[in-house]
Amino acid sequence: MTMNKNRSPDGYALHDQPGVTTTHPPVLSLSVDRPCGWSVLAASGEMDTACAGVLRSLLSAAGPNVVVDLREVTFMDASGLGVLATSGHIARRLGGAVRLVGPSHQVRRVLSLTLLDRVLPIYDDLQEALTAA
C-alpha cells in the first residue's frame, strides 16, 4: 500500500490543526470468514483509493467464490468499484462468483449508475447470498 501523507504508517488518518495532531481509525476495516465454501469479506468505512490495493489483495486471495458484505460501507469511489468489477470478472473466469450484500442506498445507487449491479448480484442479507443458487 502506498503511503498517504495524511496517514500514519499503520493506516490511521492524521488530521493536523495548529498545535494538535489526532488519529482516527482506518477508513476501511476488513475481515474475512469462510463459511459454506464461500469467502466472506466484511467491509466497513470508506472503500476508496486509499484502500484499493489491500481490498484487491484480499479479494485475490479469497478464491473464486466471494461474498462482499457492504452493510457497513459508507462511501465507495471509482477505485472501489473497479476492484469489485475486476474481482467479479476474474471469479467468473474461474467458475466462481462475487456477490454483494446489503449496500446502503448511496452505495447501491453508485452500483446501479455504473451498471455494476447487473454483473454482481446484490442480496439483502448474508445468509441469502451464501445459499443462492
C-alpha atoms as a PDB file:
ATOM      1  CA  MET A   1       0.000   0.000   0.000  1.00  0.00           C
ATOM      2  CA  THR A   2       1.376   3.410  -0.865  1.00  0.00           C
ATOM      3  CA  MET A   3       1.813   5.845   1.960  1.00  0.00           C
ATOM      4  CA  ASN A   4      -0.562   8.790   2.044  1.00  0.00           C
ATOM      5  CA  LYS A   5       0.874  11.927   3.674  1.00  0.00           C
ATOM      6  CA  ASN A   6      -2.367  12.198   5.664  1.00  0.00           C
ATOM      7  CA  ARG A   7      -1.967   8.708   7.139  1.00  0.00           C
ATOM      8  CA  SER A   8       0.342   7.220   9.715  1.00  0.00           C
ATOM      9  CA  PRO A   9       2.326   4.059   8.807  1.00  0.00           C
ATOM     10  CA  ASP A  10      -0.393   1.889  10.374  1.00  0.00           C
ATOM     11  CA  GLY A  11      -3.097   3.378   8.132  1.00  0.00           C
ATOM     12  CA  TYR A  12      -4.682   5.752  10.607  1.00  0.00           C
ATOM     13  CA  ALA A  13      -5.870   9.079   9.239  1.00  0.00           C
ATOM     14  CA  LEU A  14      -3.960  12.088  10.540  1.00  0.00           C
ATOM     15  CA  HIS A  15      -5.674  15.439  10.988  1.00  0.00           C
ATOM     16  CA  ASP A  16      -3.440  18.367  11.861  1.00  0.00           C
ATOM     17  CA  GLN A  17      -4.627  21.594  13.394  1.00  0.00           C
ATOM     18  CA  PRO A  18      -2.358  24.214  14.921  1.00  0.00           C
ATOM     19  CA  GLY A  19      -0.769  22.503  17.920  1.00  0.00           C
ATOM     20  CA  VAL A  20      -2.942  19.368  17.697  1.00  0.00           C
ATOM     21  CA  THR A  21      -2.475  16.077  15.861  1.00  0.00           C
ATOM     22  CA  THR A  22      -5.157  13.428  16.210  1.00  0.00           C
ATOM     23  CA  THR A  23      -5.575   9.992  14.722  1.00  0.00           C
ATOM     24  CA  HIS A  24      -8.753   8.246  13.699  1.00  0.00           C
ATOM     25  CA  PRO A  25      -9.296   4.572  12.851  1.00  0.00           C
ATOM     26  CA  PRO A  26      -8.546   3.439   9.286  1.00  0.00           C
ATOM     27  CA  VAL A  27     -11.239   4.492   6.855  1.00  0.00           C
ATOM     28  CA  LEU A  28     -11.863   0.867   5.823  1.00  0.00           C
ATOM     29  CA  SER A  29     -11.930  -2.160   8.061  1.00  0.00           C
ATOM     30  CA  LEU A  30     -11.916  -5.635   6.528  1.00  0.00           C
ATOM     31  CA  SER A  31     -12.411  -9.114   7.945  1.00  0.00           C
ATOM     32  CA  VAL A  32     -12.566 -12.473   6.170  1.00  0.00           C
ATOM     33  CA  ASP A  33     -14.543 -15.587   7.102  1.00  0.00           C
ATOM     34  CA  ARG A  34     -15.092 -18.782   5.084  1.00  0.00           C
ATOM     35  CA  PRO A  35     -18.495 -20.402   5.759  1.00  0.00           C
ATOM     36  CA  CYS A  36     -20.160 -22.832   3.327  1.00  0.00           C
ATOM     37  CA  GLY A  37     -17.255 -22.850   0.857  1.00  0.00           C
ATOM     38  CA  TRP A  38     -17.538 -19.100   0.268  1.00  0.00           C
ATOM     39  CA  SER A  39     -15.119 -16.442   1.432  1.00  0.00           C
ATOM     40  CA  VAL A  40     -16.944 -13.587   3.138  1.00  0.00           C
ATOM     41  CA  LEU A  41     -15.174 -10.245   3.175  1.00  0.00           C
ATOM     42  CA  ALA A  42     -16.906  -7.833   5.561  1.00  0.00           C
ATOM     43  CA  ALA A  43     -16.045  -4.204   4.903  1.00  0.00           C
ATOM     44  CA  SER A  44     -16.835  -1.111   6.916  1.00  0.00           C
ATOM     45  CA  GLY A  45     -15.988   2.519   6.349  1.00  0.00           C
ATOM     46  CA  GLU A  46     -14.906   4.059   3.061  1.00  0.00           C
ATOM     47  CA  MET A  47     -13.999   1.892   0.065  1.00  0.00           C
ATOM     48  CA  ASP A  48     -11.786   4.271  -1.894  1.00  0.00           C
ATOM     49  CA  THR A  49      -8.364   4.794  -3.462  1.00  0.00           C
ATOM     50  CA  ALA A  50      -6.608   4.648  -0.096  1.00  0.00           C
ATOM     51  CA  CYS A  51      -7.632   1.025   0.460  1.00  0.00           C
ATOM     52  CA  ALA A  52      -7.996  -0.303  -3.103  1.00  0.00           C
ATOM     53  CA  GLY A  53      -4.686  -2.195  -3.007  1.00  0.00           C
ATOM     54  CA  VAL A  54      -5.496  -4.007   0.228  1.00  0.00           C
ATOM     55  CA  LEU A  55      -9.010  -4.783  -0.989  1.00  0.00           C
ATOM     56  CA  ARG A  56      -7.643  -6.122  -4.288  1.00  0.00           C
ATOM     57  CA  SER A  57      -5.156  -8.357  -2.450  1.00  0.00           C
ATOM     58  CA  LEU A  58      -7.793  -9.782  -0.111  1.00  0.00           C
ATOM     59  CA  LEU A  59     -10.217 -10.474  -2.940  1.00  0.00           C
ATOM     60  CA  SER A  60      -7.467 -12.136  -4.988  1.00  0.00           C
ATOM     61  CA  ALA A  61      -6.550 -14.417  -2.098  1.00  0.00           C
ATOM     62  CA  ALA A  62     -10.168 -15.224  -1.227  1.00  0.00           C
ATOM     63  CA  GLY A  63     -10.746 -17.746  -4.016  1.00  0.00           C
ATOM     64  CA  PRO A  64     -13.338 -17.804  -6.790  1.00  0.00           C
ATOM     65  CA  ASN A  65     -16.467 -17.649  -4.586  1.00  0.00           C
ATOM     66  CA  VAL A  66     -16.652 -14.438  -2.579  1.00  0.00           C
ATOM     67  CA  VAL A  67     -19.390 -12.555  -0.772  1.00  0.00           C
ATOM     68  CA  VAL A  68     -18.546  -8.911  -0.068  1.00  0.00           C
ATOM     69  CA  ASP A  69     -20.575  -7.622   2.867  1.00  0.00           C
ATOM     70  CA  LEU A  70     -21.135  -3.909   2.235  1.00  0.00           C
ATOM     71  CA  ARG A  71     -23.637  -3.234   5.040  1.00  0.00           C
ATOM     72  CA  GLU A  72     -21.165  -1.018   6.929  1.00  0.00           C
ATOM     73  CA  VAL A  73     -19.583   0.698   3.895  1.00  0.00           C
ATOM     74  CA  THR A  74     -20.360   4.416   3.986  1.00  0.00           C
ATOM     75  CA  PHE A  75     -18.670   5.519   0.755  1.00  0.00           C
ATOM     76  CA  MET A  76     -17.367   3.958  -2.451  1.00  0.00           C
ATOM     77  CA  ASP A  77     -15.442   5.683  -5.226  1.00  0.00           C
ATOM     78  CA  ALA A  78     -14.344   4.546  -8.696  1.00  0.00           C
ATOM     79  CA  SER A  79     -11.356   2.626  -7.354  1.00  0.00           C
ATOM     80  CA  GLY A  80     -13.589   0.545  -5.061  1.00  0.00           C
ATOM     81  CA  LEU A  81     -15.973  -0.086  -7.950  1.00  0.00           C
ATOM     82  CA  GLY A  82     -13.050  -1.058 -10.171  1.00  0.00           C
ATOM     83  CA  VAL A  83     -11.724  -3.578  -7.674  1.00  0.00           C
ATOM     84  CA  LEU A  84     -15.175  -5.174  -7.334  1.00  0.00           C
ATOM     85  CA  ALA A  85     -15.681  -5.277 -11.120  1.00  0.00           C
ATOM     86  CA  THR A  86     -12.265  -6.832 -11.745  1.00  0.00           C
ATOM     87  CA  SER A  87     -12.757  -9.367  -8.965  1.00  0.00           C
ATOM     88  CA  GLY A  88     -16.121 -10.349 -10.417  1.00  0.00           C
ATOM     89  CA  HIS A  89     -14.597 -10.830 -13.859  1.00  0.00           C
ATOM     90  CA  ILE A  90     -11.760 -12.985 -12.510  1.00  0.00           C
ATOM     91  CA  ALA A  91     -14.157 -15.049 -10.372  1.00  0.00           C
ATOM     92  CA  ARG A  92     -16.380 -15.783 -13.394  1.00  0.00           C
ATOM     93  CA  ARG A  93     -13.346 -16.880 -15.438  1.00  0.00           C
ATOM     94  CA  LEU A  94     -12.502 -19.318 -12.634  1.00  0.00           C
ATOM     95  CA  GLY A  95     -16.065 -20.655 -12.492  1.00  0.00           C
ATOM     96  CA  GLY A  96     -16.991 -18.710  -9.367  1.00  0.00           C
ATOM     97  CA  ALA A  97     -18.841 -15.541  -8.457  1.00  0.00           C
ATOM     98  CA  VAL A  98     -18.648 -12.358  -6.426  1.00  0.00           C
ATOM     99  CA  ARG A  99     -21.857 -11.489  -4.575  1.00  0.00           C
ATOM    100  CA  LEU A 100     -22.611  -8.274  -2.706  1.00  0.00           C
ATOM    101  CA  VAL A 101     -24.620  -7.960   0.499  1.00  0.00           C
ATOM    102  CA  GLY A 102     -26.573  -5.026   1.894  1.00  0.00           C
ATOM    103  CA  PRO A 103     -25.124  -1.904   0.299  1.00  0.00           C
ATOM    104  CA  SER A 104     -26.506   1.371   1.656  1.00  0.00           C
ATOM    105  CA  HIS A 105     -28.840   3.409  -0.524  1.00  0.00           C
ATOM    106  CA  GLN A 106     -25.926   5.643  -1.574  1.00  0.00           C
ATOM    107  CA  VAL A 107     -23.615   2.732  -2.463  1.00  0.00           C
ATOM    108  CA  ARG A 108     -26.454   0.855  -4.205  1.00  0.00           C
ATOM    109  CA  ARG A 109     -27.113   3.952  -6.324  1.00  0.00           C
ATOM    110  CA  VAL A 110     -23.468   4.089  -7.422  1.00  0.00           C
ATOM    111  CA  LEU A 111     -23.575   0.366  -8.260  1.00  0.00           C
ATOM    112  CA  SER A 112     -26.734   0.970 -10.300  1.00  0.00           C
ATOM    113  CA  LEU A 113     -25.437   4.058 -12.135  1.00  0.00           C
ATOM    114  CA  THR A 114     -22.310   2.172 -13.185  1.00  0.00           C
ATOM    115  CA  LEU A 115     -24.365  -0.929 -14.103  1.00  0.00           C
ATOM    116  CA  LEU A 116     -22.210  -2.995 -11.776  1.00  0.00           C
ATOM    117  CA  ASP A 117     -25.397  -4.270 -10.149  1.00  0.00           C
ATOM    118  CA  ARG A 118     -26.094  -6.125 -13.419  1.00  0.00           C
ATOM    119  CA  VAL A 119     -22.923  -8.210 -13.196  1.00  0.00           C
ATOM    120  CA  LEU A 120     -22.549  -8.577  -9.425  1.00  0.00           C
ATOM    121  CA  PRO A 121     -25.726  -9.825  -7.751  1.00  0.00           C
ATOM    122  CA  ILE A 122     -26.869  -7.893  -4.687  1.00  0.00           C
ATOM    123  CA  TYR A 123     -28.552  -9.600  -1.731  1.00  0.00           C
ATOM    124  CA  ASP A 124     -30.254  -8.115   1.299  1.00  0.00           C
ATOM    125  CA  ASP A 125     -28.672 -10.465   3.831  1.00  0.00           C
ATOM    126  CA  LEU A 126     -25.629 -12.665   4.165  1.00  0.00           C
ATOM    127  CA  GLN A 127     -27.475 -15.969   4.505  1.00  0.00           C
ATOM    128  CA  GLU A 128     -29.381 -15.305   1.287  1.00  0.00           C
ATOM    129  CA  ALA A 129     -26.115 -14.589  -0.562  1.00  0.00           C
ATOM    130  CA  LEU A 130     -24.482 -17.758   0.772  1.00  0.00           C
ATOM    131  CA  THR A 131     -27.374 -20.054  -0.148  1.00  0.00           C
ATOM    132  CA  ALA A 132     -28.486 -18.577  -3.504  1.00  0.00           C
ATOM    133  CA  ALA A 133     -28.259 -20.970  -6.436  1.00  0.00           C
END
